[in-house]
């Protein structure tokens, strides 16, 4: 009986919150991310990749910036981020670092292809909150794979 009631309730919710009521999303590829640096032969393309992005935000826009970044988190996770975080520097007002971890370098390359026009619009809005004309500073890291997994005693 409970399972039947749950299915009936689910059916009602589907009609109430159907996707047709959600605003149209422009999911066309944006192609606005620059190509990441080539991967050195000493690293595996299957190793996890960490991307850090440093933002210097206008002090008057910190709250708007944080709100927009949490909207961007949805995009990062949709495109393959296993972990996402936003960190503020307590010693320097307006300095933020975004980090996200991706399963592999290859998967990160795919992220570059997955950014949509709507993602670009959000990223442009975030850039408008930055101080100065500089773009955010992006760094890429690849997990180091040990040659030997034996533990020294």
N, C-alpha and C. Protein backbone atom coordinates (compact mmCIF):
# COMPACT_ATOMS: atom_id res chain seq x y z
N UNK A 1 0.82 -1.20 0.00
CA UNK A 1 0.00 0.00 0.00
C UNK A 1 0.87 1.27 0.00
N UNK A 2 1.92 1.22 0.82
CA UNK A 2 2.81 2.39 0.91
C UNK A 2 3.50 2.65 -0.43
N UNK A 3 3.96 1.57 -1.06
CA UNK A 3 4.63 1.73 -2.35
C UNK A 3 3.66 2.29 -3.39
N UNK A 4 2.44 1.83 -3.41
CA UNK A 4 1.43 2.33 -4.34
C UNK A 4 1.13 3.79 -4.09
N UNK A 5 1.01 4.17 -2.82
CA UNK A 5 0.75 5.57 -2.48
C UNK A 5 1.93 6.44 -2.90
N UNK A 6 3.16 5.92 -2.71
CA UNK A 6 4.35 6.67 -3.12
C UNK A 6 4.40 6.89 -4.62
N UNK A 7 4.04 5.88 -5.39
CA UNK A 7 4.01 6.02 -6.85
C UNK A 7 2.96 7.04 -7.28
N UNK A 8 1.80 7.00 -6.64
CA UNK A 8 0.75 7.96 -6.97
C UNK A 8 1.20 9.39 -6.65
N UNK A 9 1.83 9.57 -5.49
CA UNK A 9 2.33 10.88 -5.11
C UNK A 9 3.40 11.35 -6.10
N UNK A 10 4.28 10.45 -6.52
CA UNK A 10 5.31 10.77 -7.49
C UNK A 10 4.68 11.23 -8.80
N UNK A 11 3.61 10.58 -9.24
CA UNK A 11 2.92 10.94 -10.47
C UNK A 11 2.38 12.37 -10.37
N UNK A 12 1.79 12.72 -9.23
CA UNK A 12 1.28 14.08 -9.03
C UNK A 12 2.40 15.11 -9.06
N UNK A 13 3.53 14.77 -8.46
CA UNK A 13 4.67 15.69 -8.44
C UNK A 13 5.25 15.90 -9.83
N UNK A 14 5.25 14.87 -10.64
CA UNK A 14 5.77 14.99 -12.01
C UNK A 14 4.95 16.01 -12.79
N UNK A 15 3.66 15.96 -12.65
CA UNK A 15 2.82 16.93 -13.36
C UNK A 15 2.99 18.33 -12.79
N UNK A 16 3.20 18.43 -11.49
CA UNK A 16 3.34 19.74 -10.85
C UNK A 16 4.67 20.41 -11.21
N UNK A 17 5.74 19.62 -11.27
CA UNK A 17 7.08 20.16 -11.48
C UNK A 17 7.70 19.62 -12.76
N UNK A 18 6.96 19.61 -13.83
CA UNK A 18 7.49 19.07 -15.08
C UNK A 18 8.55 20.00 -15.67
N UNK A 19 9.43 19.42 -16.47
CA UNK A 19 10.52 20.19 -17.09
C UNK A 19 10.01 21.23 -18.07
N UNK A 20 8.80 21.08 -18.58
CA UNK A 20 8.28 22.06 -19.52
C UNK A 20 8.08 23.42 -18.86
N UNK A 21 7.99 23.44 -17.53
CA UNK A 21 7.82 24.70 -16.82
C UNK A 21 9.15 25.37 -16.51
N UNK A 22 10.24 24.68 -16.69
CA UNK A 22 11.56 25.23 -16.42
C UNK A 22 11.98 26.11 -17.58
N UNK A 23 12.62 27.22 -17.28
CA UNK A 23 13.08 28.14 -18.33
C UNK A 23 14.00 27.41 -19.30
N UNK A 24 13.92 27.80 -20.54
CA UNK A 24 14.74 27.19 -21.57
C UNK A 24 16.22 27.42 -21.27
N UNK A 25 17.03 26.40 -21.49
CA UNK A 25 18.45 26.47 -21.24
C UNK A 25 19.16 26.45 -22.59
N UNK A 26 20.11 27.36 -22.75
CA UNK A 26 20.89 27.37 -23.98
C UNK A 26 22.11 26.48 -23.76
N UNK A 27 21.99 25.22 -24.17
CA UNK A 27 23.05 24.23 -23.93
C UNK A 27 23.99 24.09 -25.13
N UNK A 28 23.96 25.04 -26.05
CA UNK A 28 24.88 24.99 -27.19
C UNK A 28 26.30 25.15 -26.67
N UNK A 29 27.26 24.44 -27.29
CA UNK A 29 28.65 24.57 -26.84
C UNK A 29 29.15 26.00 -26.98
N UNK A 30 29.83 26.48 -25.95
CA UNK A 30 30.33 27.86 -25.97
C UNK A 30 31.73 27.94 -26.57
N UNK A 31 32.56 26.95 -26.27
CA UNK A 31 33.93 26.95 -26.81
C UNK A 31 34.74 28.12 -26.33
N UNK A 32 34.46 28.63 -25.11
CA UNK A 32 35.16 29.82 -24.65
C UNK A 32 36.32 29.53 -23.71
N UNK A 33 36.52 28.29 -23.30
CA UNK A 33 37.65 27.97 -22.44
C UNK A 33 38.91 27.83 -23.29
N UNK A 34 40.00 28.48 -22.88
CA UNK A 34 41.25 28.27 -23.63
C UNK A 34 41.76 26.84 -23.39
N UNK A 35 42.51 26.34 -24.32
CA UNK A 35 43.06 24.99 -24.19
C UNK A 35 44.01 24.93 -23.00
N UNK A 36 43.92 23.86 -22.21
CA UNK A 36 44.86 23.72 -21.09
C UNK A 36 46.25 23.40 -21.63
N UNK A 37 47.27 23.53 -20.79
CA UNK A 37 48.62 23.20 -21.26
C UNK A 37 48.70 21.72 -21.63
N UNK A 38 49.59 21.39 -22.56
CA UNK A 38 49.72 19.97 -22.91
C UNK A 38 50.27 19.18 -21.72
N UNK A 39 49.88 17.93 -21.66
CA UNK A 39 50.31 17.06 -20.55
C UNK A 39 51.66 16.45 -20.88
N UNK A 40 52.59 16.62 -19.97
CA UNK A 40 53.93 16.06 -20.10
C UNK A 40 53.85 14.53 -20.10
N UNK A 41 54.75 13.88 -20.82
CA UNK A 41 54.75 12.41 -20.92
C UNK A 41 54.98 11.71 -19.58
N UNK A 42 55.48 12.44 -18.59
CA UNK A 42 55.72 11.81 -17.30
C UNK A 42 54.44 11.67 -16.47
N UNK A 43 53.32 12.22 -16.95
CA UNK A 43 52.03 12.13 -16.26
C UNK A 43 51.07 11.26 -17.05
N UNK A 44 50.18 10.62 -16.34
CA UNK A 44 49.16 9.79 -16.96
C UNK A 44 47.91 10.61 -17.22
N UNK A 45 47.34 10.46 -18.41
CA UNK A 45 46.09 11.15 -18.74
C UNK A 45 44.92 10.59 -17.95
N UNK A 46 45.14 9.44 -17.30
CA UNK A 46 44.09 8.82 -16.48
C UNK A 46 44.16 9.25 -15.01
N UNK A 47 45.18 10.01 -14.65
CA UNK A 47 45.34 10.46 -13.27
C UNK A 47 44.35 11.60 -12.99
N UNK A 48 43.88 11.72 -11.75
CA UNK A 48 42.97 12.81 -11.40
C UNK A 48 43.60 14.18 -11.67
N UNK A 49 42.75 15.14 -12.03
CA UNK A 49 43.20 16.49 -12.32
C UNK A 49 42.54 17.46 -11.34
N UNK A 50 43.33 18.39 -10.82
CA UNK A 50 42.84 19.43 -9.93
C UNK A 50 43.01 20.77 -10.65
N UNK A 51 41.95 21.55 -10.69
CA UNK A 51 42.00 22.88 -11.30
C UNK A 51 41.75 23.90 -10.20
N UNK A 52 42.63 24.90 -10.12
CA UNK A 52 42.43 25.99 -9.18
C UNK A 52 42.33 27.29 -9.97
N UNK A 53 41.41 28.14 -9.54
CA UNK A 53 41.20 29.42 -10.21
C UNK A 53 41.19 30.50 -9.15
N UNK A 54 42.08 31.47 -9.29
CA UNK A 54 42.21 32.55 -8.31
C UNK A 54 41.50 33.80 -8.84
N UNK A 55 40.62 34.35 -8.02
CA UNK A 55 39.84 35.53 -8.37
C UNK A 55 40.14 36.66 -7.40
N UNK A 56 40.34 37.86 -7.91
CA UNK A 56 40.43 39.06 -7.07
C UNK A 56 39.16 39.86 -7.33
N UNK A 57 38.28 39.89 -6.33
CA UNK A 57 36.94 40.43 -6.48
C UNK A 57 36.86 41.84 -5.89
N UNK A 58 36.08 42.70 -6.55
CA UNK A 58 35.82 44.03 -5.99
C UNK A 58 35.17 43.83 -4.62
N UNK A 59 35.65 44.57 -3.63
CA UNK A 59 35.15 44.38 -2.26
C UNK A 59 33.65 44.59 -2.16
N UNK A 60 33.09 45.46 -2.96
CA UNK A 60 31.65 45.73 -2.90
C UNK A 60 30.83 44.61 -3.54
N UNK A 61 31.49 43.69 -4.24
CA UNK A 61 30.77 42.63 -4.97
C UNK A 61 30.96 41.25 -4.37
N UNK A 62 31.56 41.15 -3.20
CA UNK A 62 31.88 39.83 -2.61
C UNK A 62 30.66 38.94 -2.45
N UNK A 63 29.56 39.47 -1.95
CA UNK A 63 28.37 38.64 -1.73
C UNK A 63 27.77 38.18 -3.06
N UNK A 64 27.69 39.10 -4.03
CA UNK A 64 27.18 38.73 -5.35
C UNK A 64 28.07 37.68 -6.00
N UNK A 65 29.39 37.85 -5.82
CA UNK A 65 30.35 36.90 -6.37
C UNK A 65 30.12 35.51 -5.80
N UNK A 66 30.01 35.42 -4.48
CA UNK A 66 29.82 34.12 -3.84
C UNK A 66 28.53 33.47 -4.32
N UNK A 67 27.47 34.23 -4.44
CA UNK A 67 26.19 33.69 -4.92
C UNK A 67 26.35 33.13 -6.34
N UNK A 68 27.00 33.89 -7.21
CA UNK A 68 27.21 33.44 -8.59
C UNK A 68 28.10 32.21 -8.64
N UNK A 69 29.10 32.16 -7.77
CA UNK A 69 29.99 31.00 -7.77
C UNK A 69 29.26 29.73 -7.38
N UNK A 70 28.31 29.83 -6.44
CA UNK A 70 27.56 28.63 -6.07
C UNK A 70 26.61 28.20 -7.19
N UNK A 71 26.23 29.14 -8.06
CA UNK A 71 25.50 28.76 -9.27
C UNK A 71 26.45 28.04 -10.23
N UNK A 72 27.70 28.52 -10.29
CA UNK A 72 28.69 27.90 -11.15
C UNK A 72 29.05 26.49 -10.68
N UNK A 73 28.95 26.24 -9.38
CA UNK A 73 29.23 24.90 -8.86
C UNK A 73 28.36 23.86 -9.56
N UNK A 74 27.10 24.18 -9.80
CA UNK A 74 26.19 23.24 -10.47
C UNK A 74 26.74 22.87 -11.84
N UNK A 75 27.23 23.86 -12.56
CA UNK A 75 27.81 23.62 -13.89
C UNK A 75 29.06 22.76 -13.80
N UNK A 76 29.93 23.08 -12.84
CA UNK A 76 31.18 22.31 -12.68
C UNK A 76 30.87 20.84 -12.39
N UNK A 77 29.92 20.60 -11.49
CA UNK A 77 29.58 19.22 -11.14
C UNK A 77 28.89 18.52 -12.30
N UNK A 78 28.04 19.23 -13.02
CA UNK A 78 27.38 18.65 -14.19
C UNK A 78 28.41 18.20 -15.23
N UNK A 79 29.48 18.97 -15.35
CA UNK A 79 30.50 18.68 -16.35
C UNK A 79 31.57 17.72 -15.86
N UNK A 80 31.41 17.15 -14.66
CA UNK A 80 32.32 16.09 -14.25
C UNK A 80 33.13 16.32 -12.99
N UNK A 81 32.98 17.45 -12.32
CA UNK A 81 33.75 17.68 -11.09
C UNK A 81 33.27 16.73 -9.99
N UNK A 82 34.22 16.04 -9.38
CA UNK A 82 33.91 15.15 -8.26
C UNK A 82 33.87 15.93 -6.95
N UNK A 83 34.64 16.99 -6.89
CA UNK A 83 34.72 17.86 -5.72
C UNK A 83 34.76 19.29 -6.22
N UNK A 84 34.13 20.18 -5.49
CA UNK A 84 34.17 21.60 -5.81
C UNK A 84 34.22 22.38 -4.50
N UNK A 85 35.02 23.43 -4.45
CA UNK A 85 35.09 24.27 -3.26
C UNK A 85 35.45 25.70 -3.60
N UNK A 86 34.95 26.62 -2.78
CA UNK A 86 35.27 28.04 -2.91
C UNK A 86 35.86 28.48 -1.57
N UNK A 87 37.03 29.11 -1.62
CA UNK A 87 37.75 29.51 -0.42
C UNK A 87 38.08 31.00 -0.49
N UNK A 88 37.91 31.68 0.64
CA UNK A 88 38.24 33.11 0.74
C UNK A 88 39.50 33.25 1.59
N UNK A 89 40.35 34.17 1.21
CA UNK A 89 41.57 34.45 1.97
C UNK A 89 41.22 35.40 3.11
N UNK A 90 41.36 34.96 4.37
CA UNK A 90 41.01 35.84 5.49
C UNK A 90 41.98 37.01 5.66
N UNK A 91 43.16 36.92 5.06
CA UNK A 91 44.16 37.97 5.21
C UNK A 91 44.07 39.02 4.10
N UNK A 92 43.37 38.70 3.01
CA UNK A 92 43.29 39.63 1.88
C UNK A 92 41.86 39.69 1.38
N UNK A 93 41.20 40.80 1.65
CA UNK A 93 39.79 40.97 1.26
C UNK A 93 39.65 40.84 -0.26
N UNK A 94 38.66 40.09 -0.67
CA UNK A 94 38.35 39.97 -2.09
C UNK A 94 39.11 38.88 -2.82
N UNK A 95 40.01 38.18 -2.16
CA UNK A 95 40.77 37.12 -2.81
C UNK A 95 40.08 35.78 -2.56
N UNK A 96 39.71 35.12 -3.64
CA UNK A 96 39.02 33.83 -3.57
C UNK A 96 39.75 32.82 -4.44
N UNK A 97 39.66 31.56 -4.03
CA UNK A 97 40.19 30.47 -4.85
C UNK A 97 39.09 29.43 -5.01
N UNK A 98 38.83 29.09 -6.26
CA UNK A 98 37.89 28.02 -6.60
C UNK A 98 38.74 26.80 -6.93
N UNK A 99 38.32 25.65 -6.44
CA UNK A 99 39.01 24.40 -6.76
C UNK A 99 37.97 23.38 -7.20
N UNK A 100 38.34 22.59 -8.20
CA UNK A 100 37.51 21.44 -8.50
C UNK A 100 38.39 20.30 -8.98
N UNK A 101 37.99 19.10 -8.58
CA UNK A 101 38.72 17.88 -8.87
C UNK A 101 37.94 17.08 -9.90
N UNK A 102 38.66 16.59 -10.90
CA UNK A 102 38.05 15.82 -11.98
C UNK A 102 38.70 14.44 -12.00
N UNK A 103 37.94 13.45 -12.39
CA UNK A 103 38.38 12.05 -12.36
C UNK A 103 39.71 11.83 -13.07
N UNK A 104 39.93 12.52 -14.20
CA UNK A 104 41.17 12.34 -14.96
C UNK A 104 41.46 13.58 -15.79
N UNK A 105 42.68 13.66 -16.28
CA UNK A 105 43.06 14.75 -17.19
C UNK A 105 42.21 14.67 -18.46
N UNK A 106 41.99 13.46 -18.93
CA UNK A 106 41.16 13.28 -20.13
C UNK A 106 39.76 13.83 -19.89
N UNK A 107 39.20 13.55 -18.71
CA UNK A 107 37.87 14.06 -18.38
C UNK A 107 37.87 15.59 -18.31
N UNK A 108 38.97 16.17 -17.83
CA UNK A 108 39.05 17.63 -17.79
C UNK A 108 39.06 18.20 -19.21
N UNK A 109 39.74 17.54 -20.12
CA UNK A 109 39.71 18.01 -21.51
C UNK A 109 38.29 17.98 -22.05
N UNK A 110 37.52 16.99 -21.65
CA UNK A 110 36.12 16.92 -22.08
C UNK A 110 35.30 18.07 -21.49
N UNK A 111 35.67 18.50 -20.28
CA UNK A 111 34.98 19.65 -19.68
C UNK A 111 35.09 20.87 -20.57
N UNK A 112 36.23 21.03 -21.19
CA UNK A 112 36.43 22.17 -22.09
C UNK A 112 35.42 22.15 -23.24
N UNK A 113 35.03 20.96 -23.66
CA UNK A 113 34.07 20.83 -24.75
C UNK A 113 32.63 20.96 -24.27
N UNK A 114 32.39 20.78 -22.98
CA UNK A 114 31.02 20.76 -22.44
C UNK A 114 30.49 22.11 -22.01
N UNK A 115 31.31 23.14 -21.93
CA UNK A 115 30.80 24.43 -21.47
C UNK A 115 29.76 24.94 -22.46
N UNK A 116 28.67 25.42 -21.90
CA UNK A 116 27.54 25.87 -22.72
C UNK A 116 27.51 27.38 -22.81
N UNK A 117 26.64 27.88 -23.67
CA UNK A 117 26.46 29.32 -23.79
C UNK A 117 25.98 29.89 -22.46
N UNK A 118 25.06 29.19 -21.78
CA UNK A 118 24.60 29.66 -20.47
C UNK A 118 25.74 29.69 -19.45
N UNK A 119 26.66 28.70 -19.52
CA UNK A 119 27.83 28.71 -18.64
C UNK A 119 28.68 29.94 -18.92
N UNK A 120 28.88 30.25 -20.19
CA UNK A 120 29.69 31.41 -20.56
C UNK A 120 29.07 32.70 -20.05
N UNK A 121 27.75 32.81 -20.13
CA UNK A 121 27.07 34.01 -19.64
C UNK A 121 27.30 34.17 -18.14
N UNK A 122 27.18 33.09 -17.40
CA UNK A 122 27.44 33.14 -15.96
C UNK A 122 28.89 33.48 -15.67
N UNK A 123 29.82 32.88 -16.40
CA UNK A 123 31.24 33.16 -16.20
C UNK A 123 31.57 34.61 -16.54
N UNK A 124 30.93 35.17 -17.57
CA UNK A 124 31.13 36.58 -17.91
C UNK A 124 30.61 37.49 -16.80
N UNK A 125 29.47 37.12 -16.20
CA UNK A 125 28.93 37.90 -15.08
C UNK A 125 29.89 37.85 -13.89
N UNK A 126 30.48 36.69 -13.65
CA UNK A 126 31.46 36.57 -12.57
C UNK A 126 32.68 37.43 -12.86
N UNK A 127 33.15 37.41 -14.09
CA UNK A 127 34.32 38.22 -14.45
C UNK A 127 34.05 39.72 -14.27
N UNK A 128 32.79 40.14 -14.47
CA UNK A 128 32.46 41.56 -14.31
C UNK A 128 32.59 42.02 -12.86
N UNK A 129 32.64 41.07 -11.92
CA UNK A 129 32.76 41.41 -10.50
C UNK A 129 34.21 41.48 -10.04
N UNK A 130 35.15 41.18 -10.92
CA UNK A 130 36.56 41.16 -10.56
C UNK A 130 37.15 42.55 -10.60
N UNK A 131 38.13 42.79 -9.75
CA UNK A 131 38.81 44.07 -9.76
C UNK A 131 39.92 44.01 -10.80
N UNK A 132 40.14 45.12 -11.45
CA UNK A 132 41.17 45.17 -12.47
C UNK A 132 40.71 44.49 -13.75
N UNK A 133 41.56 44.55 -14.76
CA UNK A 133 41.22 43.99 -16.06
C UNK A 133 41.76 42.58 -16.23
N UNK A 134 42.43 42.08 -15.20
CA UNK A 134 43.04 40.75 -15.31
C UNK A 134 42.00 39.65 -15.29
N UNK A 135 42.27 38.62 -16.05
CA UNK A 135 41.43 37.42 -16.01
C UNK A 135 41.81 36.63 -14.77
N UNK A 136 40.92 35.75 -14.33
CA UNK A 136 41.29 34.89 -13.20
C UNK A 136 42.52 34.06 -13.57
N UNK A 137 43.32 33.74 -12.57
CA UNK A 137 44.53 32.94 -12.78
C UNK A 137 44.17 31.46 -12.62
N UNK A 138 44.36 30.68 -13.68
CA UNK A 138 43.99 29.26 -13.69
C UNK A 138 45.26 28.42 -13.63
N UNK A 139 45.27 27.44 -12.71
CA UNK A 139 46.36 26.48 -12.61
C UNK A 139 45.79 25.07 -12.70
N UNK A 140 46.55 24.21 -13.36
CA UNK A 140 46.17 22.80 -13.51
C UNK A 140 47.20 21.92 -12.82
N UNK A 141 46.70 20.89 -12.13
CA UNK A 141 47.57 19.93 -11.46
C UNK A 141 47.09 18.53 -11.79
N UNK A 142 48.04 17.61 -11.91
CA UNK A 142 47.72 16.21 -12.17
C UNK A 142 48.29 15.40 -11.01
N UNK A 143 47.50 14.44 -10.53
CA UNK A 143 47.93 13.63 -9.39
C UNK A 143 49.20 12.88 -9.73
N UNK A 144 50.11 12.86 -8.77
CA UNK A 144 51.35 12.13 -8.93
C UNK A 144 51.07 10.66 -8.67
N UNK A 145 51.49 9.82 -9.56
CA UNK A 145 51.29 8.37 -9.37
C UNK A 145 52.61 7.76 -8.92
N UNK A 146 52.58 7.09 -7.80
CA UNK A 146 53.78 6.45 -7.27
C UNK A 146 54.18 5.28 -8.17
N UNK A 147 55.47 5.13 -8.36
CA UNK A 147 55.95 3.99 -9.14
C UNK A 147 55.85 2.71 -8.33
N UNK A 148 55.97 2.84 -7.04
CA UNK A 148 55.86 1.68 -6.17
C UNK A 148 54.88 1.99 -5.05
N UNK A 149 54.00 1.08 -4.77
CA UNK A 149 53.01 1.29 -3.72
C UNK A 149 53.40 0.57 -2.42
N UNK A 150 54.65 0.14 -2.34
CA UNK A 150 55.09 -0.51 -1.10
C UNK A 150 55.40 0.55 -0.07
N UNK A 151 55.13 0.21 1.16
CA UNK A 151 55.33 1.15 2.26
C UNK A 151 56.65 0.83 2.96
N UNK A 152 57.39 1.89 3.24
CA UNK A 152 58.66 1.70 3.97
C UNK A 152 58.35 1.56 5.45
N UNK A 153 59.12 0.69 6.11
CA UNK A 153 58.92 0.54 7.55
C UNK A 153 60.13 1.00 8.31
